[in-house]
Amino acid sequence: MLGWTLDRWGRRQLPKHPPAAIVLLGCPPRLDGTPSPALLRRCKAAYTLAQRFPDARVMVTGGGIPTEASCAAKALCELGVAGDRLVREEQATSTEENARFSRDLIGDIPVLVVSDSYHLLRSKLVFRRYFSQVEVSATATPWLWRAWLREGVVVGMYGVRGYLW
């Protein structure tokens, strides 16, 4: 039930202010370096937002081999985002690290965080620890009961660790 509620909350979030940066949260690509379906959804959502907010930088985040950030950057360029708009954060392995490392690279500027709808509440709470102005925007996330279940558990873990406040 918690995962479903998080998903519904995320789907209702709409950006109200132009961001200085659009932060695309990574997720693991396929082993051949192509975007997973989830990463491609996030890239398409970030591309749409990049068109809507042409002055915003577009930050791609996430480590791994290949890095989530490099895979997302390639997909965004193929969709039509200019390479000089992209900022890469290629070390993070968690949402908390995405926020912390992003702040190290771009400073405290208004950000619009892009992820799957069920992941947005946690993302917003974590990013607010590092950025003074945070908005979120959801991808067109399909019905994923396993992701909802996982997110419910991870929200609890982040709460216990103090990452949400």
C-alpha atoms as a PDB file:
ATOM      1  CA  MET A   1       0.000   0.000   0.000  1.00  0.00           C
ATOM      2  CA  LEU A   2       2.845   2.402   0.823  1.00  0.00           C
ATOM      3  CA  GLY A   3       4.428   1.894  -2.610  1.00  0.00           C
ATOM      4  CA  TRP A   4       1.114   2.549  -4.371  1.00  0.00           C
ATOM      5  CA  THR A   5       0.635   5.732  -2.324  1.00  0.00           C
ATOM      6  CA  LEU A   6       4.167   6.918  -3.164  1.00  0.00           C
ATOM      7  CA  ASP A   7       3.471   6.249  -6.844  1.00  0.00           C
ATOM      8  CA  ARG A   8       0.223   8.244  -6.780  1.00  0.00           C
ATOM      9  CA  TRP A   9       1.902  11.162  -4.967  1.00  0.00           C
ATOM     10  CA  GLY A  10       4.703  11.246  -7.545  1.00  0.00           C
ATOM     11  CA  ARG A  11       2.319  11.272 -10.491  1.00  0.00           C
ATOM     12  CA  ARG A  12       0.690  14.477  -9.181  1.00  0.00           C
ATOM     13  CA  GLN A  13       3.914  16.510  -8.993  1.00  0.00           C
ATOM     14  CA  LEU A  14       4.321  19.235 -11.606  1.00  0.00           C
ATOM     15  CA  PRO A  15       7.154  21.797 -11.792  1.00  0.00           C
ATOM     16  CA  LYS A  16       6.038  25.286 -10.818  1.00  0.00           C
ATOM     17  CA  HIS A  17       9.287  27.230 -11.345  1.00  0.00           C
ATOM     18  CA  PRO A  18      11.984  27.146 -14.035  1.00  0.00           C
ATOM     19  CA  PRO A  19      14.942  25.134 -12.703  1.00  0.00           C
ATOM     20  CA  ALA A  20      18.595  26.029 -13.130  1.00  0.00           C
ATOM     21  CA  ALA A  21      19.282  22.302 -13.536  1.00  0.00           C
ATOM     22  CA  ILE A  22      17.291  19.213 -14.424  1.00  0.00           C
ATOM     23  CA  VAL A  23      18.740  16.281 -12.478  1.00  0.00           C
ATOM     24  CA  LEU A  24      18.055  12.914 -14.081  1.00  0.00           C
ATOM     25  CA  LEU A  25      18.479  10.170 -11.473  1.00  0.00           C
ATOM     26  CA  GLY A  26      20.198   7.136 -12.902  1.00  0.00           C
ATOM     27  CA  CYS A  27      19.302   3.487 -12.740  1.00  0.00           C
ATOM     28  CA  PRO A  28      21.297   0.537 -14.023  1.00  0.00           C
ATOM     29  CA  PRO A  29      21.634   0.242 -17.805  1.00  0.00           C
ATOM     30  CA  ARG A  30      21.820  -3.053 -19.615  1.00  0.00           C
ATOM     31  CA  LEU A  31      25.205  -4.796 -19.609  1.00  0.00           C
ATOM     32  CA  ASP A  32      25.811  -3.809 -23.242  1.00  0.00           C
ATOM     33  CA  GLY A  33      25.620  -0.119 -22.251  1.00  0.00           C
ATOM     34  CA  THR A  34      22.197   0.575 -23.684  1.00  0.00           C
ATOM     35  CA  PRO A  35      19.535   2.133 -21.472  1.00  0.00           C
ATOM     36  CA  SER A  36      17.251  -0.154 -19.514  1.00  0.00           C
ATOM     37  CA  PRO A  37      13.530   0.552 -20.026  1.00  0.00           C
ATOM     38  CA  ALA A  38      13.477   2.537 -16.759  1.00  0.00           C
ATOM     39  CA  LEU A  39      16.523   4.624 -17.700  1.00  0.00           C
ATOM     40  CA  LEU A  40      15.118   5.306 -21.160  1.00  0.00           C
ATOM     41  CA  ARG A  41      11.816   6.478 -19.593  1.00  0.00           C
ATOM     42  CA  ARG A  42      13.779   8.860 -17.380  1.00  0.00           C
ATOM     43  CA  CYS A  43      15.820  10.129 -20.348  1.00  0.00           C
ATOM     44  CA  LYS A  44      12.682  10.807 -22.390  1.00  0.00           C
ATOM     45  CA  ALA A  45      11.121  12.701 -19.474  1.00  0.00           C
ATOM     46  CA  ALA A  46      14.315  14.737 -18.985  1.00  0.00           C
ATOM     47  CA  TYR A  47      14.432  15.487 -22.719  1.00  0.00           C
ATOM     48  CA  THR A  48      10.859  16.823 -22.628  1.00  0.00           C
ATOM     49  CA  LEU A  49      11.735  19.000 -19.639  1.00  0.00           C
ATOM     50  CA  ALA A  50      14.940  20.191 -21.326  1.00  0.00           C
ATOM     51  CA  GLN A  51      12.820  21.411 -24.237  1.00  0.00           C
ATOM     52  CA  ARG A  52      10.429  23.154 -21.842  1.00  0.00           C
ATOM     53  CA  PHE A  53      13.279  24.769 -19.868  1.00  0.00           C
ATOM     54  CA  PRO A  54      15.954  25.567 -22.506  1.00  0.00           C
ATOM     55  CA  ASP A  55      18.165  27.538 -20.090  1.00  0.00           C
ATOM     56  CA  ALA A  56      18.486  24.689 -17.586  1.00  0.00           C
ATOM     57  CA  ARG A  57      21.560  22.493 -17.464  1.00  0.00           C
ATOM     58  CA  VAL A  58      20.838  18.775 -17.596  1.00  0.00           C
ATOM     59  CA  MET A  59      22.658  16.684 -15.007  1.00  0.00           C
ATOM     60  CA  VAL A  60      22.881  12.925 -15.401  1.00  0.00           C
ATOM     61  CA  THR A  61      23.784  10.879 -12.353  1.00  0.00           C
ATOM     62  CA  GLY A  62      24.905   7.416 -11.374  1.00  0.00           C
ATOM     63  CA  GLY A  63      27.946   5.195 -11.300  1.00  0.00           C
ATOM     64  CA  GLY A  64      28.483   1.564 -12.192  1.00  0.00           C
ATOM     65  CA  ILE A  65      30.064  -0.122 -15.209  1.00  0.00           C
ATOM     66  CA  PRO A  66      29.039   1.226 -17.627  1.00  0.00           C
ATOM     67  CA  THR A  67      28.059   4.295 -15.647  1.00  0.00           C
ATOM     68  CA  GLU A  68      24.406   5.181 -15.485  1.00  0.00           C
ATOM     69  CA  ALA A  69      25.383   8.799 -16.199  1.00  0.00           C
ATOM     70  CA  SER A  70      27.306   8.034 -19.399  1.00  0.00           C
ATOM     71  CA  CYS A  71      24.516   5.821 -20.717  1.00  0.00           C
ATOM     72  CA  ALA A  72      21.923   8.518 -19.948  1.00  0.00           C
ATOM     73  CA  ALA A  73      24.111  11.225 -21.520  1.00  0.00           C
ATOM     74  CA  LYS A  74      24.411   9.225 -24.732  1.00  0.00           C
ATOM     75  CA  ALA A  75      20.648   8.623 -24.857  1.00  0.00           C
ATOM     76  CA  LEU A  76      19.909  12.310 -24.220  1.00  0.00           C
ATOM     77  CA  CYS A  77      22.266  13.385 -27.009  1.00  0.00           C
ATOM     78  CA  GLU A  78      20.564  10.909 -29.359  1.00  0.00           C
ATOM     79  CA  LEU A  79      17.196  12.421 -28.382  1.00  0.00           C
ATOM     80  CA  GLY A  80      18.508  15.893 -29.216  1.00  0.00           C
ATOM     81  CA  VAL A  81      19.924  17.461 -26.038  1.00  0.00           C
ATOM     82  CA  ALA A  82      23.098  19.411 -26.824  1.00  0.00           C
ATOM     83  CA  GLY A  83      26.176  17.852 -25.239  1.00  0.00           C
ATOM     84  CA  ASP A  84      27.332  21.188 -23.821  1.00  0.00           C
ATOM     85  CA  ARG A  85      24.196  21.324 -21.620  1.00  0.00           C
ATOM     86  CA  LEU A  86      25.089  18.063 -19.883  1.00  0.00           C
ATOM     87  CA  VAL A  87      26.797  17.729 -16.502  1.00  0.00           C
ATOM     88  CA  ARG A  88      27.852  14.212 -15.492  1.00  0.00           C
ATOM     89  CA  GLU A  89      28.010  12.820 -11.983  1.00  0.00           C
ATOM     90  CA  GLU A  90      29.401   9.300 -12.415  1.00  0.00           C
ATOM     91  CA  GLN A  91      30.155   8.108  -8.864  1.00  0.00           C
ATOM     92  CA  ALA A  92      26.805   7.825  -7.036  1.00  0.00           C
ATOM     93  CA  THR A  93      25.376   4.461  -6.087  1.00  0.00           C
ATOM     94  CA  SER A  94      22.315   5.701  -4.171  1.00  0.00           C
ATOM     95  CA  THR A  95      19.792   8.534  -4.153  1.00  0.00           C
ATOM     96  CA  GLU A  96      21.571  10.101  -1.187  1.00  0.00           C
ATOM     97  CA  GLU A  97      24.879  10.083  -3.085  1.00  0.00           C
ATOM     98  CA  ASN A  98      23.114  11.445  -6.198  1.00  0.00           C
ATOM     99  CA  ALA A  99      22.051  14.483  -4.165  1.00  0.00           C
ATOM    100  CA  ARG A 100      25.345  14.978  -2.330  1.00  0.00           C
ATOM    101  CA  PHE A 101      27.570  14.575  -5.377  1.00  0.00           C
ATOM    102  CA  SER A 102      25.265  16.720  -7.527  1.00  0.00           C
ATOM    103  CA  ARG A 103      25.498  19.543  -4.990  1.00  0.00           C
ATOM    104  CA  ASP A 104      29.307  19.240  -5.078  1.00  0.00           C
ATOM    105  CA  LEU A 105      29.271  19.689  -8.867  1.00  0.00           C
ATOM    106  CA  ILE A 106      26.621  22.371  -9.409  1.00  0.00           C
ATOM    107  CA  GLY A 107      26.211  24.102  -6.054  1.00  0.00           C
ATOM    108  CA  ASP A 108      22.957  25.131  -4.412  1.00  0.00           C
ATOM    109  CA  ILE A 109      20.812  26.079  -7.397  1.00  0.00           C
ATOM    110  CA  PRO A 110      17.110  25.360  -8.090  1.00  0.00           C
ATOM    111  CA  VAL A 111      16.813  21.766  -9.307  1.00  0.00           C
ATOM    112  CA  LEU A 112      14.109  19.683 -10.918  1.00  0.00           C
ATOM    113  CA  VAL A 113      14.688  16.002 -10.124  1.00  0.00           C
ATOM    114  CA  VAL A 114      13.451  13.431 -12.664  1.00  0.00           C
ATOM    115  CA  SER A 115      12.739   9.834 -11.695  1.00  0.00           C
ATOM    116  CA  ASP A 116      10.010   7.219 -11.603  1.00  0.00           C
ATOM    117  CA  SER A 117       6.833   8.349  -9.844  1.00  0.00           C
ATOM    118  CA  TYR A 118       7.158   5.966  -6.891  1.00  0.00           C
ATOM    119  CA  HIS A 119      10.732   7.245  -6.243  1.00  0.00           C
ATOM    120  CA  LEU A 120       9.946  10.971  -6.186  1.00  0.00           C
ATOM    121  CA  LEU A 121       8.947  11.537  -2.560  1.00  0.00           C
ATOM    122  CA  ARG A 122      12.163   9.981  -1.270  1.00  0.00           C
ATOM    123  CA  SER A 123      14.155  11.855  -3.921  1.00  0.00           C
ATOM    124  CA  LYS A 124      12.597  15.180  -2.970  1.00  0.00           C
ATOM    125  CA  LEU A 125      13.211  14.660   0.746  1.00  0.00           C
ATOM    126  CA  VAL A 126      16.823  13.627   0.184  1.00  0.00           C
ATOM    127  CA  PHE A 127      17.594  16.426  -2.277  1.00  0.00           C
ATOM    128  CA  ARG A 128      16.124  19.026   0.110  1.00  0.00           C
ATOM    129  CA  ARG A 129      18.966  18.203   2.494  1.00  0.00           C
ATOM    130  CA  TYR A 130      21.418  19.521  -0.140  1.00  0.00           C
ATOM    131  CA  PHE A 131      19.454  22.036  -2.231  1.00  0.00           C
ATOM    132  CA  SER A 132      17.270  24.900  -1.012  1.00  0.00           C
ATOM    133  CA  GLN A 133      14.828  24.682  -3.959  1.00  0.00           C
ATOM    134  CA  VAL A 134      13.788  21.223  -5.163  1.00  0.00           C
ATOM    135  CA  GLU A 135      10.945  20.204  -7.416  1.00  0.00           C
ATOM    136  CA  VAL A 136      10.308  16.771  -8.885  1.00  0.00           C
ATOM    137  CA  SER A 137       8.858  15.390 -12.094  1.00  0.00           C
ATOM    138  CA  ALA A 138       7.708  11.837 -12.812  1.00  0.00           C
ATOM    139  CA  THR A 139       8.322   9.620 -15.787  1.00  0.00           C
ATOM    140  CA  ALA A 140       5.495   7.708 -17.403  1.00  0.00           C
ATOM    141  CA  THR A 141       6.013   4.805 -15.013  1.00  0.00           C
ATOM    142  CA  PRO A 142       4.103   1.582 -15.712  1.00  0.00           C
ATOM    143  CA  TRP A 143       2.392  -0.358 -12.938  1.00  0.00           C
ATOM    144  CA  LEU A 144       5.323  -2.023 -11.111  1.00  0.00           C
ATOM    145  CA  TRP A 145       4.257  -3.709  -7.884  1.00  0.00           C
ATOM    146  CA  ARG A 146       7.793  -5.022  -7.203  1.00  0.00           C
ATOM    147  CA  ALA A 147       9.231  -1.509  -7.480  1.00  0.00           C
ATOM    148  CA  TRP A 148       6.519  -0.195  -5.145  1.00  0.00           C
ATOM    149  CA  LEU A 149       7.353  -2.903  -2.610  1.00  0.00           C
ATOM    150  CA  ARG A 150      11.086  -2.175  -2.835  1.00  0.00           C
ATOM    151  CA  GLU A 151      10.519   1.573  -2.499  1.00  0.00           C
ATOM    152  CA  GLY A 152       8.457   1.078   0.653  1.00  0.00           C
ATOM    153  CA  VAL A 153      11.349  -0.841   2.231  1.00  0.00           C
ATOM    154  CA  VAL A 154      13.979   1.677   1.064  1.00  0.00           C
ATOM    155  CA  VAL A 155      11.985   4.650   2.382  1.00  0.00           C
ATOM    156  CA  GLY A 156      12.013   2.958   5.789  1.00  0.00           C
ATOM    157  CA  MET A 157      15.775   2.360   5.579  1.00  0.00           C
ATOM    158  CA  TYR A 158      16.434   5.973   4.552  1.00  0.00           C
ATOM    159  CA  GLY A 159      14.280   7.157   7.442  1.00  0.00           C
ATOM    160  CA  VAL A 160      16.216   5.063   9.965  1.00  0.00           C
ATOM    161  CA  ARG A 161      19.528   6.350   8.556  1.00  0.00           C
ATOM    162  CA  GLY A 162      18.341   9.968   8.802  1.00  0.00           C
ATOM    163  CA  TYR A 163      18.560  10.653   5.062  1.00  0.00           C
ATOM    164  CA  LEU A 164      15.030  12.059   4.804  1.00  0.00           C
ATOM    165  CA  TRP A 165      15.341  15.023   7.182  1.00  0.00           C
END
